[in-house]
């Protein structure tokens, strides 16, 4: 048994129900917790100020929680394998413990860590933590990965669900003072500007409060009926907490199951609807695990090479929430002002960009990742490819949402639209759900619709149909 273990924090910034940390404390006299900061500067294709600010707050919270246990968070910067090797030598650690990642970048680093441990003659232990079921454990009868959600989810739901692990209460002696640590990061570390969005409160306690509210207030019992309504809180608001591991998935699952057991039939069905969304999250993890090429290419090979004739100018109108389609603009402005977006709006805005403006889904995927506090590579990629009609379990290319009808169906009173597009505050709700008369904007200062939906729908169908025909 090693006397000292390094616990490498990654996307598991909590002390409760943390698999690797729990096992590390059982296997050593001293656990040295470490977080390795990335060393890129100024800009990054997959993140931006919103998520990095949330990360800073999460690390500050984690450091305080570790302090209360008589430990301290060691912060380093650079390549994880190089920094962990230095720490192994400084602490004489006999093992590195971590929770596994499921994207190709994290997996590649895990291979390097395993090779490092072999070279140093120390133990290396990776654990499944951010999912209920690791990708390679949910397979078809012929041991193949699923490509469609419904059979995947049936298998996933049938598997036994592990119970949560208790909160860690001691990590043993604090790392010696000669083991140096960088200060907790601020956005200046990455040379990023302050975010303009008002992001949610960071940290494990704030995340637990959100979970408690969702389950104990009864929101989860109305989730099945209300989840597509963007106005007010109709969803769990826990996506960023799962992204950074501020909550353990096993504890969340257990609480959902307990809520279902105590609920009437309608409530039970609602909880199951929510649990199926957790299965969607893990389905997309599995897609990325088995098909990492989806970052660059369409999941469905039939659509690779599909032309996307949309323009940069059209993309910028979409990105700034000035398309003249109220429900689209409301969703985009919610994203810009909060770093979050309701899931129904993610579908509406993504389909509008790809099907009405004919812009490459990769442009929208990257923009979302740069803005979203809950930006999750697997789910974001899966959602964009679903909307574009190119992904796993995707909407067929000919199924194109009409933003005017989506608006009328899910925001009939215009509550969501008027909150995020104040120019439309005094416009009657019914008027918000149909194109204005030619040349007559819905309100002063609000743009006319930048395209005609029906015209662009037909154009989209023609583009897809031509590509399909050319590949025969």
Protein backbone atom coordinates (compact mmCIF):
# COMPACT_ATOMS: atom_id res chain seq x y z
CA UNK A 1 0.00 0.00 0.00
CA UNK A 2 1.53 3.36 -1.03
CA UNK A 3 2.03 5.83 1.79
CA UNK A 4 1.24 8.84 -0.42
CA UNK A 5 -1.12 9.06 -3.40
CA UNK A 6 -1.66 11.91 -5.81
CA UNK A 7 -5.32 12.53 -6.62
CA UNK A 8 -5.49 14.32 -9.96
CA UNK A 9 -8.67 16.41 -10.01
CA UNK A 10 -10.15 16.88 -13.46
CA UNK A 11 -13.91 17.11 -13.96
CA UNK A 12 -14.70 15.86 -10.44
CA UNK A 13 -14.40 19.02 -8.33
CA UNK A 14 -16.17 17.74 -5.22
CA UNK A 15 -15.62 15.71 -2.05
CA UNK A 16 -18.92 13.78 -2.04
CA UNK A 17 -19.44 10.66 -4.16
CA UNK A 18 -16.02 11.06 -5.80
CA UNK A 19 -14.88 7.58 -6.84
CA UNK A 20 -11.13 8.04 -7.28
CA UNK A 21 -10.78 10.33 -4.28
CA UNK A 22 -12.76 7.93 -2.08
CA UNK A 23 -10.54 4.99 -3.05
CA UNK A 24 -7.37 7.05 -2.69
CA UNK A 25 -8.22 7.93 0.91
CA UNK A 26 -8.77 4.24 1.67
CA UNK A 27 -5.46 3.20 0.11
CA UNK A 28 -2.95 5.69 1.56
CA UNK A 29 -1.96 7.58 4.68
CA UNK A 30 -1.72 10.82 2.72
CA UNK A 31 -3.60 11.99 -0.38
CA UNK A 32 -2.16 15.02 -2.17
CA UNK A 33 -4.89 16.70 -4.26
CA UNK A 34 -3.70 18.40 -7.43
CA UNK A 35 -5.26 20.34 -10.28
CA UNK A 36 -3.26 21.05 -13.45
CA UNK A 37 -4.23 24.25 -15.26
CA UNK A 38 -4.11 24.43 -19.03
CA UNK A 39 -1.46 26.75 -20.41
CA UNK A 40 -3.15 28.20 -23.52
CA UNK A 41 -3.57 31.97 -23.67
CA UNK A 42 -6.05 34.54 -25.03
CA UNK A 43 -8.34 32.28 -27.03
CA UNK A 44 -9.37 28.66 -27.35
CA UNK A 45 -11.61 26.97 -29.86
CA UNK A 46 -13.54 25.06 -27.20
CA UNK A 47 -14.01 27.47 -24.30
CA UNK A 48 -14.22 31.10 -23.28
CA UNK A 49 -14.58 33.48 -20.31
CA UNK A 50 -17.91 32.12 -19.07
CA UNK A 51 -16.80 28.56 -18.49
CA UNK A 52 -13.33 29.52 -17.30
CA UNK A 53 -14.84 31.90 -14.75
CA UNK A 54 -17.06 29.09 -13.51
CA UNK A 55 -14.00 26.82 -13.31
CA UNK A 56 -12.16 29.44 -11.24
CA UNK A 57 -15.05 29.61 -8.80
CA UNK A 58 -15.23 25.83 -8.60
CA UNK A 59 -11.52 25.56 -7.83
CA UNK A 60 -11.80 28.24 -5.15
CA UNK A 61 -14.68 26.33 -3.56
CA UNK A 62 -12.80 23.03 -3.77
CA UNK A 63 -9.70 24.57 -2.19
CA UNK A 64 -11.76 25.88 0.73
CA UNK A 65 -13.41 22.50 1.22
CA UNK A 66 -10.02 20.80 1.25
CA UNK A 67 -8.72 23.37 3.74
CA UNK A 68 -11.50 22.39 6.15
CA UNK A 69 -10.15 18.83 6.03
CA UNK A 70 -6.66 19.98 6.88
CA UNK A 71 -5.45 19.48 3.32
CA UNK A 72 -4.59 21.89 0.52
CA UNK A 73 -5.10 21.92 -3.22
CA UNK A 74 -1.84 21.92 -5.16
CA UNK A 75 -2.22 23.92 -8.38
CA UNK A 76 0.22 23.48 -11.24
CA UNK A 77 0.17 24.56 -14.89
CA UNK A 78 1.27 22.79 -18.05
CA UNK A 79 1.02 19.30 -19.49
CA UNK A 80 -0.53 17.00 -16.92
CA UNK A 81 1.96 14.17 -17.35
CA UNK A 82 4.97 16.45 -16.89
CA UNK A 83 3.49 18.23 -13.87
CA UNK A 84 2.40 15.01 -12.20
CA UNK A 85 5.86 13.53 -12.70
CA UNK A 86 7.36 16.52 -10.88
CA UNK A 87 4.87 16.11 -8.05
CA UNK A 88 5.54 12.39 -7.75
CA UNK A 89 9.23 13.15 -7.25
CA UNK A 90 8.51 15.99 -4.78
CA UNK A 91 6.06 13.99 -2.64
CA UNK A 92 7.50 10.48 -3.14
CA UNK A 93 3.99 9.39 -4.10
CA UNK A 94 3.53 5.73 -4.82
CA UNK A 95 0.42 6.07 -7.00
CA UNK A 96 -1.68 8.44 -9.11
CA UNK A 97 -5.45 8.18 -8.84
CA UNK A 98 -7.89 9.92 -11.20
CA UNK A 99 -11.36 9.68 -12.66
CA UNK A 100 -11.48 8.82 -16.34
CA UNK A 101 -12.46 11.18 -19.12
CA UNK A 102 -14.36 10.05 -22.22
CA UNK A 103 -13.19 12.40 -24.93
CA UNK A 104 -10.16 11.56 -27.09
CA UNK A 105 -7.99 14.32 -25.61
CA UNK A 106 -8.51 13.17 -22.04
CA UNK A 107 -8.00 9.55 -23.01
CA UNK A 108 -4.72 10.35 -24.73
CA UNK A 109 -3.42 12.04 -21.59
CA UNK A 110 -4.51 9.06 -19.48
CA UNK A 111 -2.35 6.82 -21.67
CA UNK A 112 0.60 9.12 -21.03
CA UNK A 113 -0.06 9.03 -17.27
CA UNK A 114 -0.20 5.23 -17.33
CA UNK A 115 3.10 5.12 -19.22
CA UNK A 116 4.59 7.58 -16.73
CA UNK A 117 3.56 5.43 -13.78
CA UNK A 118 5.02 2.33 -15.42
CA UNK A 119 8.30 4.16 -16.03
CA UNK A 120 8.43 5.41 -12.43
CA UNK A 121 7.41 2.04 -11.01
CA UNK A 122 4.33 3.38 -9.22
CA UNK A 123 0.64 2.45 -9.32
CA UNK A 124 -1.88 4.05 -11.69
CA UNK A 125 -5.61 3.81 -11.04
CA UNK A 126 -8.31 5.31 -13.24
CA UNK A 127 -11.97 5.10 -12.22
CA UNK A 128 -15.33 5.60 -13.90
CA UNK A 129 -17.02 8.46 -12.10
CA UNK A 130 -18.86 10.94 -14.29
CA UNK A 131 -21.19 8.31 -15.78
CA UNK A 132 -23.43 5.62 -14.30
CA UNK A 133 -22.18 3.17 -16.92
CA UNK A 134 -18.89 3.38 -18.80
CA UNK A 135 -19.25 3.34 -22.60
CA UNK A 136 -17.75 -0.12 -23.02
CA UNK A 137 -20.27 -1.62 -20.57
CA UNK A 138 -23.42 -0.76 -22.56
CA UNK A 139 -23.21 -2.78 -25.78
CA UNK A 140 -25.48 -4.66 -28.14
CA UNK A 141 -25.97 -8.42 -27.89
CA UNK A 142 -23.10 -8.84 -30.35
CA UNK A 143 -20.83 -6.65 -28.19
CA UNK A 144 -21.01 -3.70 -30.58
CA UNK A 145 -21.61 -0.04 -29.66
CA UNK A 146 -25.10 1.31 -30.14
CA UNK A 147 -25.69 3.87 -32.87
CA UNK A 148 -29.29 4.61 -31.89
CA UNK A 149 -30.48 5.99 -28.56
CA UNK A 150 -33.64 3.97 -27.86
CA UNK A 151 -32.08 0.47 -27.67
CA UNK A 152 -29.10 1.98 -25.85
CA UNK A 153 -31.38 3.55 -23.26
CA UNK A 154 -33.33 0.34 -22.70
CA UNK A 155 -30.09 -1.47 -21.95
CA UNK A 156 -28.80 1.41 -19.82
CA UNK A 157 -32.01 1.58 -17.78
CA UNK A 158 -31.96 -2.19 -17.16
CA UNK A 159 -28.50 -2.19 -15.57
CA UNK A 160 -28.02 -2.03 -11.81
CA UNK A 161 -27.22 1.46 -10.61
CA UNK A 162 -24.33 1.85 -8.16
CA UNK A 163 -25.00 3.59 -4.86
CA UNK A 164 -23.25 6.89 -4.11
CA UNK A 165 -20.05 6.96 -2.13
CA UNK A 166 -19.81 8.92 1.14
CA UNK A 167 -18.22 12.33 1.48
CA UNK A 168 -14.48 12.23 2.07
CA UNK A 169 -13.67 13.43 5.58
CA UNK A 170 -9.88 13.21 5.68
CA UNK A 171 -6.99 13.18 3.23
CA UNK A 172 -4.33 12.66 5.87
CA UNK A 173 -1.44 15.07 6.48
CA UNK A 174 -1.21 18.24 4.42
CA UNK A 175 1.47 18.26 1.70
CA UNK A 176 4.75 19.65 3.00
CA UNK A 177 5.35 23.37 2.52
CA UNK A 178 8.20 22.71 0.11
CA UNK A 179 5.60 21.24 -2.27
CA UNK A 180 4.80 24.51 -4.01
CA UNK A 181 1.50 25.55 -5.52
CA UNK A 182 0.48 28.26 -7.92
CA UNK A 183 -2.22 30.62 -6.68
CA UNK A 184 -5.81 29.81 -7.55
CA UNK A 185 -6.42 30.99 -11.12
CA UNK A 186 -8.33 34.00 -12.32
CA UNK A 187 -9.23 34.76 -15.93
CA UNK A 188 -5.94 36.64 -16.17
CA UNK A 189 -4.18 33.26 -16.13
CA UNK A 190 -5.55 32.59 -19.63
CA UNK A 191 -5.44 36.30 -20.61
CA UNK A 192 -9.20 36.30 -20.95
CA UNK A 193 -11.52 39.28 -20.45
CA UNK A 194 -14.12 39.30 -17.71
CA UNK A 195 -17.33 37.57 -18.82
CA UNK A 196 -20.29 39.74 -19.73
CA UNK A 197 -22.70 36.94 -18.79
CA UNK A 198 -24.16 36.59 -15.31
CA UNK A 199 -23.20 32.99 -14.63
CA UNK A 200 -24.60 30.65 -11.98
CA UNK A 201 -23.00 30.31 -8.55
CA UNK A 202 -20.02 27.93 -8.61
CA UNK A 203 -18.96 25.27 -6.12
CA UNK A 204 -20.17 22.01 -4.65
CA UNK A 205 -22.52 23.61 -2.12
CA UNK A 206 -24.29 25.73 -4.76
CA UNK A 207 -24.65 22.65 -6.95
CA UNK A 208 -26.12 20.65 -4.08
CA UNK A 209 -28.57 23.47 -3.40
CA UNK A 210 -29.69 23.36 -7.03
CA UNK A 211 -30.15 19.58 -6.87
CA UNK A 212 -32.12 19.89 -3.64
CA UNK A 213 -34.38 22.54 -5.13
CA UNK A 214 -35.08 20.54 -8.28
CA UNK A 215 -36.00 17.38 -6.40
CA UNK A 216 -37.51 18.60 -3.14
CA UNK A 217 -39.57 21.45 -4.59
CA UNK A 218 -41.41 19.06 -6.89
CA UNK A 219 -39.93 20.44 -10.11
CA UNK A 220 -38.82 16.93 -11.02
CA UNK A 221 -42.41 15.71 -10.73
CA UNK A 222 -43.48 18.28 -13.36
CA UNK A 223 -40.45 17.81 -15.56
CA UNK A 224 -42.17 15.51 -18.03
CA UNK A 225 -44.92 18.04 -18.71
CA UNK A 226 -42.94 21.27 -18.46
CA UNK A 227 -39.44 20.53 -19.73
CA UNK A 228 -39.99 22.00 -23.21
CA UNK A 229 -41.28 25.32 -21.87
CA UNK A 230 -38.35 27.77 -21.80
CA UNK A 231 -39.93 30.39 -19.51
CA UNK A 232 -39.17 30.00 -15.80
CA UNK A 233 -37.37 27.01 -14.30
CA UNK A 234 -38.74 23.88 -15.89
CA UNK A 235 -35.52 21.83 -16.00
CA UNK A 236 -33.01 20.74 -13.39
CA UNK A 237 -30.39 23.47 -14.12
CA UNK A 238 -27.74 20.89 -13.18
CA UNK A 239 -25.94 20.49 -16.50
CA UNK A 240 -22.96 22.66 -15.53
CA UNK A 241 -22.73 20.81 -12.20
CA UNK A 242 -22.49 17.45 -13.94
CA UNK A 243 -20.02 18.92 -16.43
CA UNK A 244 -17.57 19.87 -13.67
CA UNK A 245 -18.44 17.05 -11.32
CA UNK A 246 -19.82 19.31 -8.61
CA UNK A 247 -22.40 16.56 -8.17
CA UNK A 248 -21.88 12.81 -8.28
CA UNK A 249 -24.06 11.11 -10.89
CA UNK A 250 -24.74 8.20 -8.51
CA UNK A 251 -26.13 10.50 -5.82
CA UNK A 252 -28.29 12.32 -8.35
CA UNK A 253 -29.61 9.00 -9.65
CA UNK A 254 -30.36 7.77 -6.14
CA UNK A 255 -32.27 10.94 -5.30
CA UNK A 256 -34.26 10.65 -8.50
CA UNK A 257 -35.16 7.06 -7.70
CA UNK A 258 -36.22 8.04 -4.17
CA UNK A 259 -38.39 10.84 -5.58
CA UNK A 260 -40.03 8.38 -7.97
CA UNK A 261 -40.76 5.88 -5.21
CA UNK A 262 -42.59 8.52 -3.19
CA UNK A 263 -44.50 9.98 -6.15
CA UNK A 264 -47.91 9.17 -7.70
CA UNK A 265 -47.99 7.56 -11.15
CA UNK A 266 -47.70 10.82 -13.09
CA UNK A 267 -44.75 11.87 -10.96
CA UNK A 268 -43.03 8.54 -11.48
CA UNK A 269 -43.35 8.96 -15.25
CA UNK A 270 -41.93 12.45 -15.00
CA UNK A 271 -38.89 11.29 -13.04
CA UNK A 272 -38.31 8.54 -15.61
CA UNK A 273 -38.37 11.18 -18.36
CA UNK A 274 -35.61 13.03 -16.53
CA UNK A 275 -33.58 9.87 -15.98
CA UNK A 276 -33.80 9.18 -19.70
CA UNK A 277 -32.15 12.55 -20.29
CA UNK A 278 -29.25 11.37 -18.12
CA UNK A 279 -29.12 8.33 -20.39
CA UNK A 280 -28.96 10.65 -23.44
CA UNK A 281 -25.93 12.31 -21.85
CA UNK A 282 -24.19 8.96 -21.51
CA UNK A 283 -25.26 7.89 -25.00
CA UNK A 284 -23.37 10.86 -26.40
CA UNK A 285 -20.37 10.01 -24.21
CA UNK A 286 -20.46 6.53 -25.75
CA UNK A 287 -20.71 7.93 -29.29
CA UNK A 288 -17.63 10.05 -28.66
CA UNK A 289 -15.83 7.12 -27.04
CA UNK A 290 -16.36 4.76 -29.97
CA UNK A 291 -16.46 7.33 -32.79
CA UNK A 292 -14.06 10.15 -31.86
CA UNK A 293 -14.02 11.28 -35.50
CA UNK A 294 -17.36 13.06 -34.89
CA UNK A 295 -15.42 16.13 -33.76
CA UNK A 296 -14.27 16.59 -37.35
CA UNK A 297 -16.76 14.68 -39.47
CA UNK A 298 -20.44 13.91 -39.72
CA UNK A 299 -21.32 10.80 -37.71
CA UNK A 300 -23.37 9.50 -40.65
CA UNK A 301 -20.86 8.93 -43.48
CA UNK A 302 -23.61 9.58 -46.03
CA UNK A 303 -23.49 13.29 -45.19
CA UNK A 304 -19.73 13.79 -45.23
CA UNK A 305 -18.81 16.37 -47.83
CA UNK A 306 -22.28 17.94 -47.71
CA UNK A 307 -21.97 21.59 -48.82
CA UNK A 308 -22.86 24.33 -46.33
CA UNK A 309 -23.28 27.50 -48.40
CA UNK A 310 -24.16 29.77 -45.46
CA UNK A 311 -22.24 33.03 -45.11
CA UNK A 312 -20.19 34.53 -42.29
CA UNK A 313 -22.55 37.52 -42.28
CA UNK A 314 -25.54 35.23 -41.72
CA UNK A 315 -23.67 33.43 -38.93
CA UNK A 316 -22.96 36.75 -37.19
CA UNK A 317 -26.64 37.73 -37.28
CA UNK A 318 -27.44 34.41 -35.62
CA UNK A 319 -24.61 34.72 -33.08
CA UNK A 320 -25.73 38.17 -31.96
CA UNK A 321 -29.43 37.34 -31.71
CA UNK A 322 -30.50 39.71 -34.48
CA UNK A 323 -32.11 37.34 -37.00
CA UNK A 324 -35.60 38.85 -36.81
CA UNK A 325 -37.00 35.51 -35.61
CA UNK A 326 -38.06 36.25 -32.01
CA UNK A 327 -37.68 32.75 -30.55
CA UNK A 328 -34.24 32.31 -32.15
CA UNK A 329 -33.04 35.70 -30.97
CA UNK A 330 -34.39 35.09 -27.45
CA UNK A 331 -32.46 31.84 -27.20
CA UNK A 332 -29.24 33.37 -28.45
CA UNK A 333 -29.51 36.35 -26.12
CA UNK A 334 -30.19 34.07 -23.17
CA UNK A 335 -26.94 32.29 -24.07
CA UNK A 336 -25.00 35.55 -24.37
CA UNK A 337 -26.34 36.94 -21.10
CA UNK A 338 -26.21 33.81 -18.91
CA UNK A 339 -23.86 31.30 -20.56
CA UNK A 340 -26.76 28.84 -20.59
CA UNK A 341 -29.61 28.02 -22.94
CA UNK A 342 -32.77 25.98 -22.50
CA UNK A 343 -32.51 22.67 -24.36
CA UNK A 344 -35.55 23.30 -26.58
CA UNK A 345 -33.93 26.55 -27.65
CA UNK A 346 -30.67 24.76 -28.36
CA UNK A 347 -32.56 22.64 -30.88
CA UNK A 348 -34.42 25.59 -32.39
CA UNK A 349 -31.36 27.80 -32.76
CA UNK A 350 -29.14 24.99 -34.04
CA UNK A 351 -31.66 23.89 -36.63
CA UNK A 352 -32.19 27.48 -37.71
CA UNK A 353 -28.45 27.99 -38.26
CA UNK A 354 -28.02 24.78 -40.21
CA UNK A 355 -31.34 24.44 -42.05
CA UNK A 356 -32.46 28.07 -42.56
CA UNK A 357 -29.07 29.77 -42.84
CA UNK A 358 -27.22 26.72 -44.25
CA UNK A 359 -24.17 27.30 -42.05
CA UNK A 360 -21.87 24.41 -41.17
CA UNK A 361 -22.89 22.82 -37.87
CA UNK A 362 -19.23 22.98 -36.76
CA UNK A 363 -19.47 26.79 -36.64
CA UNK A 364 -22.37 26.63 -34.24
CA UNK A 365 -20.83 23.80 -32.23
CA UNK A 366 -17.69 25.87 -31.59
CA UNK A 367 -19.66 29.03 -30.77
CA UNK A 368 -21.76 27.20 -28.20
CA UNK A 369 -18.66 25.70 -26.59
CA UNK A 370 -17.10 29.16 -26.33
CA UNK A 371 -20.21 30.53 -24.61
CA UNK A 372 -21.74 27.72 -22.57
CA UNK A 373 -20.99 27.38 -18.86
CA UNK A 374 -22.10 23.74 -19.16
CA UNK A 375 -20.22 23.14 -22.42
CA UNK A 376 -19.80 19.39 -22.71
CA UNK A 377 -17.95 18.18 -25.81
CA UNK A 378 -19.93 14.98 -26.22
CA UNK A 379 -23.43 16.41 -25.64
CA UNK A 380 -22.76 19.57 -27.61
CA UNK A 381 -21.43 17.68 -30.60
CA UNK A 382 -24.27 15.19 -30.39
CA UNK A 383 -26.89 17.91 -30.17
CA UNK A 384 -25.50 19.86 -33.10
CA UNK A 385 -25.23 16.82 -35.31
CA UNK A 386 -28.76 15.79 -34.30
CA UNK A 387 -30.11 19.19 -35.33
CA UNK A 388 -28.10 19.23 -38.55
CA UNK A 389 -29.45 15.80 -39.47
CA UNK A 390 -25.99 14.27 -39.70
CA UNK A 391 -25.52 12.57 -36.32
CA UNK A 392 -26.39 9.54 -34.25
CA UNK A 393 -30.15 9.14 -33.88
CA UNK A 394 -30.43 12.40 -35.79
CA UNK A 395 -33.62 14.04 -36.92
CA UNK A 396 -33.99 13.06 -40.60
CA UNK A 397 -32.75 15.84 -42.85
CA UNK A 398 -36.28 16.50 -44.11
CA UNK A 399 -37.58 17.10 -40.59
CA UNK A 400 -37.01 20.84 -40.28
CA UNK A 401 -38.48 22.80 -37.40
CA UNK A 402 -40.46 25.90 -38.25
CA UNK A 403 -39.29 28.54 -35.74
CA UNK A 404 -42.62 30.36 -35.89
CA UNK A 405 -44.54 27.19 -34.97
CA UNK A 406 -42.00 26.26 -32.30
CA UNK A 407 -42.49 29.69 -30.80
CA UNK A 408 -46.28 29.39 -30.74
CA UNK A 409 -46.14 25.91 -29.26
CA UNK A 410 -43.61 26.40 -26.47
CA UNK A 411 -43.86 30.12 -25.67
CA UNK A 412 -47.49 30.93 -26.55
CA UNK A 413 -47.72 33.96 -24.26
CA UNK A 414 -44.33 35.25 -25.39
CA UNK A 415 -43.02 35.27 -21.82
CA UNK A 416 -39.60 33.90 -22.75
CA UNK A 417 -39.27 36.03 -25.86
CA UNK A 418 -40.17 39.27 -24.09
CA UNK A 419 -37.75 38.58 -21.25
CA UNK A 420 -34.76 38.25 -23.56
CA UNK A 421 -35.80 40.52 -26.44
CA UNK A 422 -37.02 43.67 -24.70
CA UNK A 423 -37.69 45.43 -28.01
CA UNK A 424 -40.72 43.15 -28.30
CA UNK A 425 -42.06 43.86 -24.81
CA UNK A 426 -45.20 45.61 -26.04
CA UNK A 427 -45.94 43.38 -29.02
CA UNK A 428 -49.07 41.18 -28.60
CA UNK A 429 -48.08 37.57 -28.05
CA UNK A 430 -49.94 36.22 -31.07
CA UNK A 431 -48.02 38.57 -33.35
CA UNK A 432 -44.70 37.13 -32.22
CA UNK A 433 -45.43 33.74 -33.73
CA UNK A 434 -45.86 34.58 -37.39
CA UNK A 435 -43.79 36.49 -39.95
CA UNK A 436 -44.55 40.21 -40.06
CA UNK A 437 -45.96 41.76 -43.19
CA UNK A 438 -43.30 42.65 -45.75
CA UNK A 439 -41.37 45.75 -44.77
CA UNK A 440 -43.11 46.08 -41.40
CA UNK A 441 -40.89 45.07 -38.45
CA UNK A 442 -42.50 43.60 -35.34
CA UNK A 443 -41.32 46.59 -33.31
CA UNK A 444 -39.20 49.70 -33.70
CA UNK A 445 -35.52 48.80 -33.49
CA UNK A 446 -36.13 45.10 -34.15
CA UNK A 447 -34.94 43.68 -37.48
CA UNK A 448 -37.10 42.12 -40.13
CA UNK A 449 -36.71 38.34 -40.51
CA UNK A 450 -33.45 37.83 -42.36
CA UNK A 451 -34.83 34.96 -44.45
CA UNK A 452 -38.13 33.39 -45.43
CA UNK A 453 -38.37 30.08 -43.59
CA UNK A 454 -40.34 28.24 -46.27
CA UNK A 455 -37.95 29.31 -49.02
CA UNK A 456 -34.91 28.23 -47.02
CA UNK A 457 -36.55 24.98 -46.03
CA UNK A 458 -37.00 24.08 -49.68
CA UNK A 459 -33.41 25.11 -50.41
CA UNK A 460 -32.15 22.91 -47.56
CA UNK A 461 -34.11 19.91 -48.81
CA UNK A 462 -32.67 20.42 -52.29
CA UNK A 463 -29.09 20.60 -50.97
CA UNK A 464 -29.48 17.39 -48.98
CA UNK A 465 -31.33 15.58 -51.77
CA UNK A 466 -28.70 16.54 -54.37
CA UNK A 467 -25.86 15.35 -52.11
CA UNK A 468 -27.69 12.08 -51.45
CA UNK A 469 -28.24 11.52 -55.16
CA UNK A 470 -24.59 12.29 -56.01
CA UNK A 471 -23.35 9.69 -53.50
CA UNK A 472 -25.36 6.86 -55.02
